[in-house]
């Protein structure tokens, strides 16, 4: 996967910022549960970046 991303033009810095799996909640079996996990990740990142209180 890393080589594929490099072929697409991503550099090592870009690749280092990739975090996965986003939104995966252990035991989640429904789309709403996965969506909440993704939104929680966004909120966490926004808070760390100082975009929200």
PDB file of N, CA and C in Angstrom:
ATOM      1  N   UNK A   1       0.808  -1.194   0.000  1.00  0.00           N
ATOM      2  CA  UNK A   1       0.000   0.000   0.000  1.00  0.00           C
ATOM      3  C   UNK A   1       0.857   1.266   0.000  1.00  0.00           C
ATOM      4  N   UNK A   2       1.962   1.241   0.705  1.00  0.00           N
ATOM      5  CA  UNK A   2       2.799   2.441   0.775  1.00  0.00           C
ATOM      6  C   UNK A   2       3.386   2.751  -0.596  1.00  0.00           C
ATOM      7  N   UNK A   3       3.895   1.743  -1.282  1.00  0.00           N
ATOM      8  CA  UNK A   3       4.462   1.966  -2.615  1.00  0.00           C
ATOM      9  C   UNK A   3       3.406   2.511  -3.574  1.00  0.00           C
ATOM     10  N   UNK A   4       2.192   2.000  -3.475  1.00  0.00           N
ATOM     11  CA  UNK A   4       1.094   2.474  -4.318  1.00  0.00           C
ATOM     12  C   UNK A   4       0.838   3.957  -4.073  1.00  0.00           C
ATOM     13  N   UNK A   5       0.849   4.360  -2.813  1.00  0.00           N
ATOM     14  CA  UNK A   5       0.632   5.782  -2.491  1.00  0.00           C
ATOM     15  C   UNK A   5       1.766   6.645  -3.017  1.00  0.00           C
ATOM     16  N   UNK A   6       2.992   6.140  -2.941  1.00  0.00           N
ATOM     17  CA  UNK A   6       4.137   6.885  -3.474  1.00  0.00           C
ATOM     18  C   UNK A   6       4.015   7.043  -4.983  1.00  0.00           C
ATOM     19  N   UNK A   7       3.526   6.012  -5.659  1.00  0.00           N
ATOM     20  CA  UNK A   7       3.327   6.099  -7.103  1.00  0.00           C
ATOM     21  C   UNK A   7       2.269   7.144  -7.442  1.00  0.00           C
ATOM     22  N   UNK A   8       1.344   7.377  -6.530  1.00  0.00           N
ATOM     23  CA  UNK A   8       0.310   8.392  -6.744  1.00  0.00           C
ATOM     24  C   UNK A   8       0.804   9.804  -6.446  1.00  0.00           C
ATOM     25  N   UNK A   9       2.041   9.908  -5.929  1.00  0.00           N
ATOM     26  CA  UNK A   9       2.626  11.214  -5.692  1.00  0.00           C
ATOM     27  C   UNK A   9       2.678  11.643  -4.237  1.00  0.00           C
ATOM     28  N   UNK A  10       2.286  10.778  -3.323  1.00  0.00           N
ATOM     29  CA  UNK A  10       2.363  11.118  -1.901  1.00  0.00           C
ATOM     30  C   UNK A  10       3.793  10.944  -1.433  1.00  0.00           C
ATOM     31  N   UNK A  11       4.282  11.888  -0.613  1.00  0.00           N
ATOM     32  CA  UNK A  11       5.630  11.732  -0.081  1.00  0.00           C
ATOM     33  C   UNK A  11       5.564  11.102   1.311  1.00  0.00           C
ATOM     34  N   UNK A  12       6.730  10.860   1.907  1.00  0.00           N
ATOM     35  CA  UNK A  12       6.776  10.177   3.204  1.00  0.00           C
ATOM     36  C   UNK A  12       6.021  10.961   4.276  1.00  0.00           C
ATOM     37  N   UNK A  13       6.072  12.282   4.225  1.00  0.00           N
ATOM     38  CA  UNK A  13       5.343  13.101   5.202  1.00  0.00           C
ATOM     39  C   UNK A  13       3.847  12.913   5.080  1.00  0.00           C
ATOM     40  N   UNK A  14       3.354  12.870   3.848  1.00  0.00           N
ATOM     41  CA  UNK A  14       1.922  12.632   3.622  1.00  0.00           C
ATOM     42  C   UNK A  14       1.515  11.268   4.172  1.00  0.00           C
ATOM     43  N   UNK A  15       2.313  10.278   3.861  1.00  0.00           N
ATOM     44  CA  UNK A  15       2.000   8.910   4.270  1.00  0.00           C
ATOM     45  C   UNK A  15       2.045   8.775   5.794  1.00  0.00           C
ATOM     46  N   UNK A  16       2.968   9.469   6.452  1.00  0.00           N
ATOM     47  CA  UNK A  16       3.087   9.402   7.907  1.00  0.00           C
ATOM     48  C   UNK A  16       1.846   9.959   8.602  1.00  0.00           C
ATOM     49  N   UNK A  17       1.135  10.880   7.936  1.00  0.00           N
ATOM     50  CA  UNK A  17      -0.064  11.476   8.543  1.00  0.00           C
ATOM     51  C   UNK A  17      -1.309  10.615   8.375  1.00  0.00           C
ATOM     52  N   UNK A  18      -1.234   9.570   7.587  1.00  0.00           N
ATOM     53  CA  UNK A  18      -2.395   8.701   7.380  1.00  0.00           C
ATOM     54  C   UNK A  18      -2.642   7.891   8.636  1.00  0.00           C
ATOM     55  N   UNK A  19      -3.887   7.958   9.110  1.00  0.00           N
ATOM     56  CA  UNK A  19      -4.269   7.182  10.291  1.00  0.00           C
ATOM     57  C   UNK A  19      -5.417   6.277   9.912  1.00  0.00           C
ATOM     58  N   UNK A  20      -5.286   5.054  10.264  1.00  0.00           N
ATOM     59  CA  UNK A  20      -6.370   4.125   9.969  1.00  0.00           C
ATOM     60  C   UNK A  20      -6.342   3.027  11.009  1.00  0.00           C
ATOM     61  N   UNK A  21      -7.357   2.313  11.202  1.00  0.00           N
ATOM     62  CA  UNK A  21      -8.648   2.461  10.545  1.00  0.00           C
ATOM     63  C   UNK A  21      -9.493   3.524  11.247  1.00  0.00           C
ATOM     64  N   UNK A  22      -9.948   4.502  10.519  1.00  0.00           N
ATOM     65  CA  UNK A  22     -10.772   5.561  11.079  1.00  0.00           C
ATOM     66  C   UNK A  22     -12.177   5.028  11.337  1.00  0.00           C
ATOM     67  N   UNK A  23     -12.703   5.367  12.459  1.00  0.00           N
ATOM     68  CA  UNK A  23     -14.093   5.057  12.760  1.00  0.00           C
ATOM     69  C   UNK A  23     -14.399   3.634  13.154  1.00  0.00           C
ATOM     70  N   UNK A  24     -13.382   2.801  13.278  1.00  0.00           N
ATOM     71  CA  UNK A  24     -13.684   1.424  13.641  1.00  0.00           C
ATOM     72  C   UNK A  24     -13.817   1.304  15.154  1.00  0.00           C
ATOM     73  N   UNK A  25     -14.966   0.893  15.574  1.00  0.00           N
ATOM     74  CA  UNK A  25     -15.268   0.708  16.981  1.00  0.00           C
ATOM     75  C   UNK A  25     -15.337  -0.799  17.218  1.00  0.00           C
ATOM     76  N   UNK A  26     -14.569  -1.309  18.171  1.00  0.00           N
ATOM     77  CA  UNK A  26     -14.622  -2.756  18.412  1.00  0.00           C
ATOM     78  C   UNK A  26     -16.059  -3.229  18.647  1.00  0.00           C
ATOM     79  N   UNK A  27     -16.464  -4.215  17.918  1.00  0.00           N
ATOM     80  CA  UNK A  27     -17.798  -4.774  18.077  1.00  0.00           C
ATOM     81  C   UNK A  27     -18.884  -4.046  17.313  1.00  0.00           C
ATOM     82  N   UNK A  28     -18.535  -2.981  16.603  1.00  0.00           N
ATOM     83  CA  UNK A  28     -19.542  -2.218  15.854  1.00  0.00           C
ATOM     84  C   UNK A  28     -20.088  -3.072  14.719  1.00  0.00           C
ATOM     85  N   UNK A  29     -21.401  -3.106  14.617  1.00  0.00           N
ATOM     86  CA  UNK A  29     -22.016  -3.916  13.574  1.00  0.00           C
ATOM     87  C   UNK A  29     -22.979  -3.119  12.708  1.00  0.00           C
ATOM     88  N   UNK A  30     -23.150  -1.846  13.019  1.00  0.00           N
ATOM     89  CA  UNK A  30     -24.108  -1.064  12.244  1.00  0.00           C
ATOM     90  C   UNK A  30     -23.440   0.174  11.664  1.00  0.00           C
ATOM     91  N   UNK A  31     -24.003   0.658  10.594  1.00  0.00           N
ATOM     92  CA  UNK A  31     -23.475   1.870   9.961  1.00  0.00           C
ATOM     93  C   UNK A  31     -23.544   3.068  10.891  1.00  0.00           C
ATOM     94  N   UNK A  32     -24.637   3.256  11.637  1.00  0.00           N
ATOM     95  CA  UNK A  32     -24.666   4.403  12.561  1.00  0.00           C
ATOM     96  C   UNK A  32     -23.542   4.356  13.601  1.00  0.00           C
ATOM     97  N   UNK A  33     -23.228   3.176  14.092  1.00  0.00           N
ATOM     98  CA  UNK A  33     -22.144   3.060  15.072  1.00  0.00           C
ATOM     99  C   UNK A  33     -20.810   3.415  14.443  1.00  0.00           C
ATOM    100  N   UNK A  34     -20.587   2.968  13.225  1.00  0.00           N
ATOM    101  CA  UNK A  34     -19.349   3.328  12.522  1.00  0.00           C
ATOM    102  C   UNK A  34     -19.292   4.829  12.255  1.00  0.00           C
ATOM    103  N   UNK A  35     -20.432   5.421  11.882  1.00  0.00           N
ATOM    104  CA  UNK A  35     -20.484   6.859  11.618  1.00  0.00           C
ATOM    105  C   UNK A  35     -20.147   7.656  12.872  1.00  0.00           C
ATOM    106  N   UNK A  36     -20.645   7.218  14.012  1.00  0.00           N
ATOM    107  CA  UNK A  36     -20.337   7.908  15.273  1.00  0.00           C
ATOM    108  C   UNK A  36     -18.837   7.826  15.556  1.00  0.00           C
ATOM    109  N   UNK A  37     -18.230   6.680  15.285  1.00  0.00           N
ATOM    110  CA  UNK A  37     -16.791   6.543  15.473  1.00  0.00           C
ATOM    111  C   UNK A  37     -16.003   7.496  14.590  1.00  0.00           C
ATOM    112  N   UNK A  38     -16.431   7.659  13.352  1.00  0.00           N
ATOM    113  CA  UNK A  38     -15.765   8.579  12.428  1.00  0.00           C
ATOM    114  C   UNK A  38     -15.923  10.018  12.907  1.00  0.00           C
ATOM    115  N   UNK A  39     -17.133  10.391  13.310  1.00  0.00           N
ATOM    116  CA  UNK A  39     -17.362  11.751  13.814  1.00  0.00           C
ATOM    117  C   UNK A  39     -16.556  12.020  15.082  1.00  0.00           C
ATOM    118  N   UNK A  40     -16.432  11.027  15.939  1.00  0.00           N
ATOM    119  CA  UNK A  40     -15.631  11.192  17.150  1.00  0.00           C
ATOM    120  C   UNK A  40     -14.163  11.441  16.798  1.00  0.00           C
ATOM    121  N   UNK A  41     -13.670  10.748  15.784  1.00  0.00           N
ATOM    122  CA  UNK A  41     -12.294  10.964  15.328  1.00  0.00           C
ATOM    123  C   UNK A  41     -12.113  12.383  14.799  1.00  0.00           C
ATOM    124  N   UNK A  42     -13.060  12.849  14.003  1.00  0.00           N
ATOM    125  CA  UNK A  42     -12.993  14.224  13.497  1.00  0.00           C
ATOM    126  C   UNK A  42     -12.998  15.226  14.642  1.00  0.00           C
ATOM    127  N   UNK A  43     -13.885  15.017  15.616  1.00  0.00           N
ATOM    128  CA  UNK A  43     -13.983  15.934  16.755  1.00  0.00           C
ATOM    129  C   UNK A  43     -12.680  15.941  17.550  1.00  0.00           C
ATOM    130  N   UNK A  44     -12.098  14.778  17.750  1.00  0.00           N
ATOM    131  CA  UNK A  44     -10.838  14.686  18.480  1.00  0.00           C
ATOM    132  C   UNK A  44      -9.725  15.453  17.769  1.00  0.00           C
ATOM    133  N   UNK A  45      -9.627  15.267  16.462  1.00  0.00           N
ATOM    134  CA  UNK A  45      -8.606  15.975  15.684  1.00  0.00           C
ATOM    135  C   UNK A  45      -8.834  17.483  15.696  1.00  0.00           C
ATOM    136  N   UNK A  46     -10.085  17.900  15.565  1.00  0.00           N
ATOM    137  CA  UNK A  46     -10.407  19.328  15.576  1.00  0.00           C
ATOM    138  C   UNK A  46     -10.060  19.949  16.922  1.00  0.00           C
ATOM    139  N   UNK A  47     -10.330  19.241  17.998  1.00  0.00           N
ATOM    140  CA  UNK A  47     -10.004  19.743  19.326  1.00  0.00           C
ATOM    141  C   UNK A  47      -8.495  19.872  19.500  1.00  0.00           C
ATOM    142  N   UNK A  48      -7.748  18.863  19.071  1.00  0.00           N
ATOM    143  CA  UNK A  48      -6.291  18.909  19.177  1.00  0.00           C
ATOM    144  C   UNK A  48      -5.705  20.038  18.343  1.00  0.00           C
ATOM    145  N   UNK A  49      -6.363  20.362  17.232  1.00  0.00           N
ATOM    146  CA  UNK A  49      -5.882  21.440  16.362  1.00  0.00           C
ATOM    147  C   UNK A  49      -6.329  22.812  16.843  1.00  0.00           C
ATOM    148  N   UNK A  50      -7.139  22.842  17.928  1.00  0.00           N
ATOM    149  CA  UNK A  50      -7.606  24.108  18.460  1.00  0.00           C
ATOM    150  C   UNK A  50      -8.755  24.713  17.689  1.00  0.00           C
ATOM    151  N   UNK A  51      -9.419  23.915  16.869  1.00  0.00           N
ATOM    152  CA  UNK A  51     -10.519  24.420  16.068  1.00  0.00           C
ATOM    153  C   UNK A  51     -11.831  24.469  16.836  1.00  0.00           C
ATOM    154  N   UNK A  52     -11.932  23.653  17.895  1.00  0.00           N
ATOM    155  CA  UNK A  52     -13.120  23.656  18.755  1.00  0.00           C
ATOM    156  C   UNK A  52     -12.681  23.583  20.194  1.00  0.00           C
ATOM    157  N   UNK A  53     -13.558  23.974  21.098  1.00  0.00           N
ATOM    158  CA  UNK A  53     -13.242  23.913  22.545  1.00  0.00           C
ATOM    159  C   UNK A  53     -13.656  22.598  23.139  1.00  0.00           C
TER     160      UNK A  53
END
